[in-house]
Amino acid sequence: MLESFPAGGLAVVVGATGGVGGALLAHLAGERSFRGVVGLSRGGVPPLDLTSEETIARAAAHVAGTGHELRLVVDATGFLHGAAGSGPRGAGTSSTPRTWRGPSPSTPPARRS
């Protein structure tokens, strides 16, 4: 049980259809700490696209319409960097490359003094 949260209230998971977001949503739904849990995503109801102010407003109205006090928001969305530019995971057309940039293999690790 998440004892740091007083009983009641609402938890919201943004990016709820992804692997991490879905797992968080399932875990929070089983918690007695929250009166309700809402999962938001591009494929959800209402749909939420973080690049669209209109869908953000509809999602906010949906959350407010639950009547529960908002206690927790978890952002489980992805953000990619690549040659085609940066943006939310899956944004753009299906031909947009999905890449992840980690440390450059040519960059030596920092030395500790």
Protein backbone atom coordinates (compact mmCIF):
# COMPACT_ATOMS: atom_id res chain seq x y z
CA MET A 1 0.00 0.00 0.00
CA LEU A 2 1.22 3.50 -0.80
CA GLU A 3 1.11 4.85 2.72
CA SER A 4 2.46 8.28 1.80
CA PHE A 5 -0.89 9.12 0.16
CA PRO A 6 -3.94 9.75 2.33
CA ALA A 7 -6.84 7.40 1.50
CA GLY A 8 -9.11 8.60 -1.30
CA GLY A 9 -8.37 10.81 -4.25
CA LEU A 10 -7.45 10.07 -7.83
CA ALA A 11 -4.32 8.75 -9.52
CA VAL A 12 -3.72 9.48 -13.22
CA VAL A 13 -1.27 7.63 -15.48
CA VAL A 14 -0.38 9.40 -18.75
CA GLY A 15 0.92 6.91 -21.31
CA ALA A 16 -1.21 4.13 -19.85
CA THR A 17 -1.15 1.87 -22.92
CA GLY A 18 2.63 1.45 -22.97
CA GLY A 19 4.46 -1.28 -21.11
CA VAL A 20 5.55 0.83 -18.13
CA GLY A 21 2.34 2.89 -18.07
CA GLY A 22 0.14 -0.20 -18.26
CA ALA A 23 2.00 -1.85 -15.39
CA LEU A 24 1.74 1.29 -13.27
CA LEU A 25 -1.97 1.61 -14.05
CA ALA A 26 -2.62 -2.02 -13.05
CA HIS A 27 -0.65 -1.63 -9.82
CA LEU A 28 -2.34 1.62 -8.83
CA ALA A 29 -5.78 0.17 -9.60
CA GLY A 30 -5.08 -2.50 -6.98
CA GLU A 31 -4.05 0.06 -4.36
CA ARG A 32 -6.52 0.96 -1.64
CA SER A 33 -4.90 4.38 -1.36
CA PHE A 34 -6.90 5.78 -4.28
CA ARG A 35 -10.63 6.08 -4.81
CA GLY A 36 -10.10 6.04 -8.57
CA VAL A 37 -7.39 5.53 -11.18
CA VAL A 38 -7.52 7.01 -14.70
CA GLY A 39 -5.32 5.91 -17.59
CA LEU A 40 -4.75 8.39 -20.42
CA SER A 41 -3.16 7.70 -23.82
CA ARG A 42 -3.50 8.50 -27.52
CA GLY A 43 -5.61 5.36 -27.99
CA GLY A 44 -7.68 5.84 -24.85
CA VAL A 45 -11.07 7.40 -24.15
CA PRO A 46 -10.80 10.30 -24.20
CA PRO A 47 -7.75 10.25 -26.46
CA LEU A 48 -4.78 12.25 -25.23
CA ASP A 49 -2.12 13.49 -27.64
CA LEU A 50 0.43 15.65 -25.82
CA THR A 51 1.03 17.64 -29.01
CA SER A 52 -2.66 18.69 -29.19
CA GLU A 53 -4.03 21.32 -26.82
CA GLU A 54 -7.57 20.23 -27.71
CA THR A 55 -7.06 16.65 -26.50
CA ILE A 56 -5.21 17.89 -23.41
CA ALA A 57 -8.22 20.07 -22.51
CA ARG A 58 -10.63 17.15 -23.03
CA ALA A 59 -8.49 14.83 -20.90
CA ALA A 60 -8.29 17.47 -18.14
CA ALA A 61 -12.09 17.85 -18.22
CA HIS A 62 -12.43 14.06 -18.01
CA VAL A 63 -10.18 13.92 -14.94
CA ALA A 64 -12.01 16.83 -13.30
CA GLY A 65 -15.33 15.13 -14.07
CA THR A 66 -14.47 12.17 -11.84
CA GLY A 67 -15.20 14.36 -8.84
CA HIS A 68 -12.17 13.00 -6.99
CA GLU A 69 -9.31 15.11 -5.69
CA LEU A 70 -6.22 14.66 -7.85
CA ARG A 71 -3.47 13.15 -5.69
CA LEU A 72 -0.98 11.59 -8.12
CA VAL A 73 0.00 12.08 -11.77
CA VAL A 74 2.51 9.71 -13.37
CA ASP A 75 4.01 10.56 -16.77
CA ALA A 76 4.91 7.27 -18.44
CA THR A 77 5.17 8.70 -21.95
CA GLY A 78 8.23 8.27 -24.12
CA PHE A 79 10.32 10.94 -25.83
CA LEU A 80 12.69 10.03 -28.62
CA HIS A 81 15.70 11.80 -30.09
CA GLY A 82 16.95 11.08 -33.55
CA ALA A 83 18.05 12.30 -36.95
CA ALA A 84 14.44 13.07 -37.91
CA GLY A 85 14.09 15.36 -34.90
CA SER A 86 12.78 14.96 -31.40
CA GLY A 87 9.27 14.38 -30.20
CA PRO A 88 6.87 12.19 -28.30
CA ARG A 89 7.23 8.47 -28.95
CA GLY A 90 5.27 7.51 -32.04
CA ALA A 91 4.50 11.10 -33.06
CA GLY A 92 4.24 11.84 -36.75
CA THR A 93 3.67 9.41 -39.57
CA SER A 94 4.32 5.71 -39.42
CA SER A 95 7.47 6.32 -41.46
CA THR A 96 8.98 8.44 -38.68
CA PRO A 97 12.04 6.52 -37.43
CA ARG A 98 11.83 5.46 -33.82
CA THR A 99 15.29 5.74 -32.33
CA TRP A 100 16.88 5.97 -28.93
CA ARG A 101 20.10 7.80 -28.22
CA GLY A 102 22.31 6.49 -25.48
CA PRO A 103 25.85 7.49 -24.56
CA SER A 104 28.17 7.76 -27.53
CA PRO A 105 30.45 4.72 -27.73
CA SER A 106 33.34 7.04 -28.66
CA THR A 107 32.97 9.08 -25.47
CA PRO A 108 35.14 7.66 -22.69
CA PRO A 109 33.57 7.46 -19.23
CA ALA A 110 34.26 10.35 -16.88
CA ARG A 111 37.18 9.81 -14.54
CA ARG A 112 36.69 10.13 -10.84
CA SER A 113 39.27 12.06 -8.85
